[in-house]
């Protein structure tokens, strides 16, 4: 099994959006602990393996991922 884990340290005052539309109430990420696996469930809603930060950074994948 290949571990493609990527660890991104949050920058000061950085917040993240994306993943699943159903998690909109939990956004922006970075204010509290949050975990979701896009491969396991789309939350009966729209999902996209894309995260965008308030500091202009992003994470995108062709495959669903957990974050």
PDB file of N, CA and C in Angstrom:
ATOM      1  N   UNK A   1       0.847  -1.179   0.000  1.00  0.00           N
ATOM      2  CA  UNK A   1       0.000   0.000   0.000  1.00  0.00           C
ATOM      3  C   UNK A   1       0.894   1.244   0.000  1.00  0.00           C
ATOM      4  N   UNK A   2       0.578   2.190  -0.829  1.00  0.00           N
ATOM      5  CA  UNK A   2       1.338   3.429  -0.929  1.00  0.00           C
ATOM      6  C   UNK A   2       0.668   4.490  -0.059  1.00  0.00           C
ATOM      7  N   UNK A   3       1.468   5.176   0.745  1.00  0.00           N
ATOM      8  CA  UNK A   3       0.948   6.255   1.580  1.00  0.00           C
ATOM      9  C   UNK A   3       1.307   7.571   0.909  1.00  0.00           C
ATOM     10  N   UNK A   4       0.330   8.237   0.369  1.00  0.00           N
ATOM     11  CA  UNK A   4       0.540   9.523  -0.293  1.00  0.00           C
ATOM     12  C   UNK A   4       0.123  10.664   0.620  1.00  0.00           C
ATOM     13  N   UNK A   5       0.443  10.565   1.890  1.00  0.00           N
ATOM     14  CA  UNK A   5       0.037  11.578   2.851  1.00  0.00           C
ATOM     15  C   UNK A   5       0.792  12.879   2.614  1.00  0.00           C
ATOM     16  N   UNK A   6       0.050  13.964   2.615  1.00  0.00           N
ATOM     17  CA  UNK A   6       0.604  15.297   2.477  1.00  0.00           C
ATOM     18  C   UNK A   6       0.209  16.084   3.721  1.00  0.00           C
ATOM     19  N   UNK A   7       1.176  16.637   4.398  1.00  0.00           N
ATOM     20  CA  UNK A   7       0.909  17.432   5.595  1.00  0.00           C
ATOM     21  C   UNK A   7       1.151  18.899   5.239  1.00  0.00           C
ATOM     22  N   UNK A   8       0.128  19.708   5.435  1.00  0.00           N
ATOM     23  CA  UNK A   8       0.222  21.142   5.149  1.00  0.00           C
ATOM     24  C   UNK A   8       0.035  21.898   6.457  1.00  0.00           C
ATOM     25  N   UNK A   9       1.056  22.617   6.851  1.00  0.00           N
ATOM     26  CA  UNK A   9       0.963  23.427   8.062  1.00  0.00           C
ATOM     27  C   UNK A   9       0.134  24.675   7.738  1.00  0.00           C
ATOM     28  N   UNK A  10      -0.792  24.991   8.625  1.00  0.00           N
ATOM     29  CA  UNK A  10      -1.596  26.193   8.440  1.00  0.00           C
ATOM     30  C   UNK A  10      -0.736  27.433   8.646  1.00  0.00           C
ATOM     31  N   UNK A  11      -0.890  28.394   7.779  1.00  0.00           N
ATOM     32  CA  UNK A  11      -0.237  29.684   7.944  1.00  0.00           C
ATOM     33  C   UNK A  11      -1.035  30.510   8.953  1.00  0.00           C
ATOM     34  N   UNK A  12      -0.436  31.520   9.556  1.00  0.00           N
ATOM     35  CA  UNK A  12      -1.197  32.362  10.478  1.00  0.00           C
ATOM     36  C   UNK A  12      -2.443  32.949   9.796  1.00  0.00           C
ATOM     37  N   UNK A  13      -3.569  32.859  10.468  1.00  0.00           N
ATOM     38  CA  UNK A  13      -4.849  33.381   9.965  1.00  0.00           C
ATOM     39  C   UNK A  13      -5.236  32.791   8.611  1.00  0.00           C
ATOM     40  N   UNK A  14      -4.898  31.527   8.368  1.00  0.00           N
ATOM     41  CA  UNK A  14      -5.263  30.856   7.110  1.00  0.00           C
ATOM     42  C   UNK A  14      -6.478  29.971   7.348  1.00  0.00           C
ATOM     43  N   UNK A  15      -7.410  29.993   6.419  1.00  0.00           N
ATOM     44  CA  UNK A  15      -8.623  29.186   6.489  1.00  0.00           C
ATOM     45  C   UNK A  15      -8.843  28.522   5.146  1.00  0.00           C
ATOM     46  N   UNK A  16      -9.521  27.370   5.157  1.00  0.00           N
ATOM     47  CA  UNK A  16      -9.701  26.563   3.951  1.00  0.00           C
ATOM     48  C   UNK A  16     -11.177  26.309   3.667  1.00  0.00           C
ATOM     49  N   UNK A  17     -11.520  26.228   2.380  1.00  0.00           N
ATOM     50  CA  UNK A  17     -12.864  25.909   1.906  1.00  0.00           C
ATOM     51  C   UNK A  17     -12.768  24.804   0.857  1.00  0.00           C
ATOM     52  N   UNK A  18     -13.836  24.050   0.690  1.00  0.00           N
ATOM     53  CA  UNK A  18     -13.904  23.048  -0.367  1.00  0.00           C
ATOM     54  C   UNK A  18     -14.310  21.691   0.164  1.00  0.00           C
ATOM     55  N   UNK A  19     -14.111  20.678  -0.675  1.00  0.00           N
ATOM     56  CA  UNK A  19     -14.449  19.305  -0.293  1.00  0.00           C
ATOM     57  C   UNK A  19     -15.877  18.964  -0.653  1.00  0.00           C
ATOM     58  N   UNK A  20     -16.778  19.083   0.309  1.00  0.00           N
ATOM     59  CA  UNK A  20     -18.179  18.728   0.098  1.00  0.00           C
ATOM     60  C   UNK A  20     -19.086  19.912   0.400  1.00  0.00           C
ATOM     61  N   UNK A  21     -20.039  20.135  -0.460  1.00  0.00           N
ATOM     62  CA  UNK A  21     -21.010  21.210  -0.253  1.00  0.00           C
ATOM     63  C   UNK A  21     -21.769  20.984   1.053  1.00  0.00           C
ATOM     64  N   UNK A  22     -22.039  19.722   1.381  1.00  0.00           N
ATOM     65  CA  UNK A  22     -22.802  19.400   2.590  1.00  0.00           C
ATOM     66  C   UNK A  22     -22.099  19.844   3.866  1.00  0.00           C
ATOM     67  N   UNK A  23     -20.799  20.119   3.805  1.00  0.00           N
ATOM     68  CA  UNK A  23     -20.045  20.534   4.989  1.00  0.00           C
ATOM     69  C   UNK A  23     -19.908  22.055   5.089  1.00  0.00           C
ATOM     70  N   UNK A  24     -20.701  22.785   4.346  1.00  0.00           N
ATOM     71  CA  UNK A  24     -20.602  24.239   4.336  1.00  0.00           C
ATOM     72  C   UNK A  24     -20.676  24.879   5.707  1.00  0.00           C
ATOM     73  N   UNK A  25     -21.448  24.287   6.614  1.00  0.00           N
ATOM     74  CA  UNK A  25     -21.562  24.851   7.972  1.00  0.00           C
ATOM     75  C   UNK A  25     -20.264  24.723   8.753  1.00  0.00           C
ATOM     76  N   UNK A  26     -19.390  23.805   8.334  1.00  0.00           N
ATOM     77  CA  UNK A  26     -18.116  23.595   9.029  1.00  0.00           C
ATOM     78  C   UNK A  26     -17.001  24.464   8.460  1.00  0.00           C
ATOM     79  N   UNK A  27     -17.272  25.146   7.353  1.00  0.00           N
ATOM     80  CA  UNK A  27     -16.258  25.985   6.709  1.00  0.00           C
ATOM     81  C   UNK A  27     -16.305  27.384   7.290  1.00  0.00           C
ATOM     82  N   UNK A  28     -15.176  28.064   7.303  1.00  0.00           N
ATOM     83  CA  UNK A  28     -13.911  27.611   6.759  1.00  0.00           C
ATOM     84  C   UNK A  28     -13.232  26.631   7.714  1.00  0.00           C
ATOM     85  N   UNK A  29     -12.480  25.696   7.142  1.00  0.00           N
ATOM     86  CA  UNK A  29     -11.696  24.767   7.933  1.00  0.00           C
ATOM     87  C   UNK A  29     -10.489  25.505   8.479  1.00  0.00           C
ATOM     88  N   UNK A  30     -10.009  25.046   9.616  1.00  0.00           N
ATOM     89  CA  UNK A  30      -8.856  25.676  10.239  1.00  0.00           C
ATOM     90  C   UNK A  30      -9.219  26.355  11.549  1.00  0.00           C
ATOM     91  N   UNK A  31     -10.536  26.501  11.806  1.00  0.00           N
ATOM     92  CA  UNK A  31     -10.957  27.118  13.059  1.00  0.00           C
ATOM     93  C   UNK A  31     -11.157  26.068  14.147  1.00  0.00           C
ATOM     94  N   UNK A  32     -11.397  24.808  13.759  1.00  0.00           N
ATOM     95  CA  UNK A  32     -11.561  23.709  14.712  1.00  0.00           C
ATOM     96  C   UNK A  32     -11.236  22.400  13.994  1.00  0.00           C
ATOM     97  N   UNK A  33     -11.094  21.341  14.764  1.00  0.00           N
ATOM     98  CA  UNK A  33     -10.767  20.033  14.207  1.00  0.00           C
ATOM     99  C   UNK A  33     -11.913  19.536  13.325  1.00  0.00           C
ATOM    100  N   UNK A  34     -11.583  19.075  12.125  1.00  0.00           N
ATOM    101  CA  UNK A  34     -12.587  18.578  11.180  1.00  0.00           C
ATOM    102  C   UNK A  34     -11.937  17.486  10.356  1.00  0.00           C
ATOM    103  N   UNK A  35     -12.678  16.406  10.082  1.00  0.00           N
ATOM    104  CA  UNK A  35     -12.147  15.321   9.261  1.00  0.00           C
ATOM    105  C   UNK A  35     -13.251  14.771   8.369  1.00  0.00           C
ATOM    106  N   UNK A  36     -12.895  14.506   7.103  1.00  0.00           N
ATOM    107  CA  UNK A  36     -13.823  13.887   6.163  1.00  0.00           C
ATOM    108  C   UNK A  36     -13.019  13.078   5.154  1.00  0.00           C
ATOM    109  N   UNK A  37     -13.620  12.003   4.665  1.00  0.00           N
ATOM    110  CA  UNK A  37     -12.999  11.180   3.623  1.00  0.00           C
ATOM    111  C   UNK A  37     -13.887  11.269   2.394  1.00  0.00           C
ATOM    112  N   UNK A  38     -13.427  11.980   1.381  1.00  0.00           N
ATOM    113  CA  UNK A  38     -14.227  12.178   0.166  1.00  0.00           C
ATOM    114  C   UNK A  38     -14.437  10.880  -0.594  1.00  0.00           C
ATOM    115  N   UNK A  39     -13.556   9.892  -0.412  1.00  0.00           N
ATOM    116  CA  UNK A  39     -13.711   8.602  -1.086  1.00  0.00           C
ATOM    117  C   UNK A  39     -14.797   7.763  -0.428  1.00  0.00           C
ATOM    118  N   UNK A  40     -14.999   7.951   0.868  1.00  0.00           N
ATOM    119  CA  UNK A  40     -15.963   7.133   1.603  1.00  0.00           C
ATOM    120  C   UNK A  40     -17.395   7.608   1.412  1.00  0.00           C
ATOM    121  N   UNK A  41     -17.584   8.930   1.330  1.00  0.00           N
ATOM    122  CA  UNK A  41     -18.941   9.455   1.238  1.00  0.00           C
ATOM    123  C   UNK A  41     -18.927  10.876   0.689  1.00  0.00           C
ATOM    124  N   UNK A  42     -19.852  11.137  -0.203  1.00  0.00           N
ATOM    125  CA  UNK A  42     -19.999  12.510  -0.693  1.00  0.00           C
ATOM    126  C   UNK A  42     -21.016  13.272   0.139  1.00  0.00           C
ATOM    127  N   UNK A  43     -21.570  12.603   1.160  1.00  0.00           N
ATOM    128  CA  UNK A  43     -22.549  13.277   2.017  1.00  0.00           C
ATOM    129  C   UNK A  43     -23.869  13.504   1.307  1.00  0.00           C
ATOM    130  N   UNK A  44     -24.192  12.650   0.329  1.00  0.00           N
ATOM    131  CA  UNK A  44     -25.419  12.777  -0.457  1.00  0.00           C
ATOM    132  C   UNK A  44     -25.499  14.157  -1.103  1.00  0.00           C
ATOM    133  N   UNK A  45     -24.366  14.685  -1.482  1.00  0.00           N
ATOM    134  CA  UNK A  45     -24.326  16.004  -2.064  1.00  0.00           C
ATOM    135  C   UNK A  45     -23.136  16.101  -3.007  1.00  0.00           C
ATOM    136  N   UNK A  46     -22.835  17.271  -3.468  1.00  0.00           N
ATOM    137  CA  UNK A  46     -21.729  17.490  -4.388  1.00  0.00           C
ATOM    138  C   UNK A  46     -20.406  17.454  -3.634  1.00  0.00           C
ATOM    139  N   UNK A  47     -19.418  16.773  -4.227  1.00  0.00           N
ATOM    140  CA  UNK A  47     -18.093  16.689  -3.628  1.00  0.00           C
ATOM    141  C   UNK A  47     -17.045  16.889  -4.710  1.00  0.00           C
ATOM    142  N   UNK A  48     -15.937  17.480  -4.323  1.00  0.00           N
ATOM    143  CA  UNK A  48     -14.842  17.729  -5.253  1.00  0.00           C
ATOM    144  C   UNK A  48     -13.531  17.669  -4.476  1.00  0.00           C
ATOM    145  N   UNK A  49     -12.526  16.941  -4.967  1.00  0.00           N
ATOM    146  CA  UNK A  49     -11.242  16.861  -4.272  1.00  0.00           C
ATOM    147  C   UNK A  49     -10.409  18.125  -4.480  1.00  0.00           C
ATOM    148  N   UNK A  50     -10.952  19.233  -3.999  1.00  0.00           N
ATOM    149  CA  UNK A  50     -10.295  20.535  -4.127  1.00  0.00           C
ATOM    150  C   UNK A  50     -10.488  21.317  -2.839  1.00  0.00           C
ATOM    151  N   UNK A  51      -9.397  21.855  -2.308  1.00  0.00           N
ATOM    152  CA  UNK A  51      -9.433  22.748  -1.156  1.00  0.00           C
ATOM    153  C   UNK A  51      -8.725  24.034  -1.549  1.00  0.00           C
ATOM    154  N   UNK A  52      -9.270  25.175  -1.153  1.00  0.00           N
ATOM    155  CA  UNK A  52      -8.709  26.483  -1.480  1.00  0.00           C
ATOM    156  C   UNK A  52      -8.553  27.266  -0.176  1.00  0.00           C
ATOM    157  N   UNK A  53      -7.405  27.923  -0.014  1.00  0.00           N
ATOM    158  CA  UNK A  53      -7.151  28.645   1.233  1.00  0.00           C
ATOM    159  C   UNK A  53      -7.294  30.151   1.056  1.00  0.00           C
ATOM    160  N   UNK A  54      -7.484  30.818   2.180  1.00  0.00           N
ATOM    161  CA  UNK A  54      -7.581  32.270   2.188  1.00  0.00           C
ATOM    162  C   UNK A  54      -6.230  32.929   1.896  1.00  0.00           C
ATOM    163  N   UNK A  55      -5.168  32.150   1.858  1.00  0.00           N
ATOM    164  CA  UNK A  55      -3.827  32.657   1.554  1.00  0.00           C
ATOM    165  C   UNK A  55      -3.407  32.341   0.117  1.00  0.00           C
ATOM    166  N   UNK A  56      -4.370  31.886  -0.708  1.00  0.00           N
ATOM    167  CA  UNK A  56      -4.086  31.631  -2.118  1.00  0.00           C
ATOM    168  C   UNK A  56      -3.499  30.265  -2.422  1.00  0.00           C
ATOM    169  N   UNK A  57      -3.428  29.407  -1.438  1.00  0.00           N
ATOM    170  CA  UNK A  57      -2.916  28.051  -1.679  1.00  0.00           C
ATOM    171  C   UNK A  57      -4.079  27.125  -2.004  1.00  0.00           C
ATOM    172  N   UNK A  58      -3.775  25.994  -2.622  1.00  0.00           N
ATOM    173  CA  UNK A  58      -4.823  25.030  -2.921  1.00  0.00           C
ATOM    174  C   UNK A  58      -4.268  23.615  -2.905  1.00  0.00           C
ATOM    175  N   UNK A  59      -5.184  22.659  -2.725  1.00  0.00           N
ATOM    176  CA  UNK A  59      -4.888  21.239  -2.828  1.00  0.00           C
ATOM    177  C   UNK A  59      -5.911  20.681  -3.796  1.00  0.00           C
ATOM    178  N   UNK A  60      -5.445  20.006  -4.834  1.00  0.00           N
ATOM    179  CA  UNK A  60      -6.336  19.401  -5.822  1.00  0.00           C
ATOM    180  C   UNK A  60      -5.817  18.011  -6.165  1.00  0.00           C
ATOM    181  N   UNK A  61      -6.728  17.086  -6.413  1.00  0.00           N
ATOM    182  CA  UNK A  61      -6.353  15.733  -6.761  1.00  0.00           C
ATOM    183  C   UNK A  61      -7.339  15.192  -7.800  1.00  0.00           C
ATOM    184  N   UNK A  62      -6.862  14.287  -8.636  1.00  0.00           N
ATOM    185  CA  UNK A  62      -7.766  13.622  -9.575  1.00  0.00           C
ATOM    186  C   UNK A  62      -8.576  12.533  -8.880  1.00  0.00           C
ATOM    187  N   UNK A  63      -8.184  12.169  -7.676  1.00  0.00           N
ATOM    188  CA  UNK A  63      -8.868  11.141  -6.899  1.00  0.00           C
ATOM    189  C   UNK A  63      -9.374  11.744  -5.597  1.00  0.00           C
ATOM    190  N   UNK A  64     -10.468  11.212  -5.054  1.00  0.00           N
ATOM    191  CA  UNK A  64     -10.949  11.681  -3.753  1.00  0.00           C
ATOM    192  C   UNK A  64      -9.884  11.416  -2.672  1.00  0.00           C
ATOM    193  N   UNK A  65      -9.877  12.226  -1.631  1.00  0.00           N
ATOM    194  CA  UNK A  65      -8.911  12.055  -0.553  1.00  0.00           C
ATOM    195  C   UNK A  65      -9.546  12.388   0.793  1.00  0.00           C
ATOM    196  N   UNK A  66      -8.866  12.004   1.849  1.00  0.00           N
ATOM    197  CA  UNK A  66      -9.316  12.332   3.213  1.00  0.00           C
ATOM    198  C   UNK A  66      -8.532  13.549   3.679  1.00  0.00           C
ATOM    199  N   UNK A  67      -9.202  14.385   4.443  1.00  0.00           N
ATOM    200  CA  UNK A  67      -8.514  15.526   5.035  1.00  0.00           C
ATOM    201  C   UNK A  67      -9.138  15.847   6.377  1.00  0.00           C
TER     202      UNK A  67
END
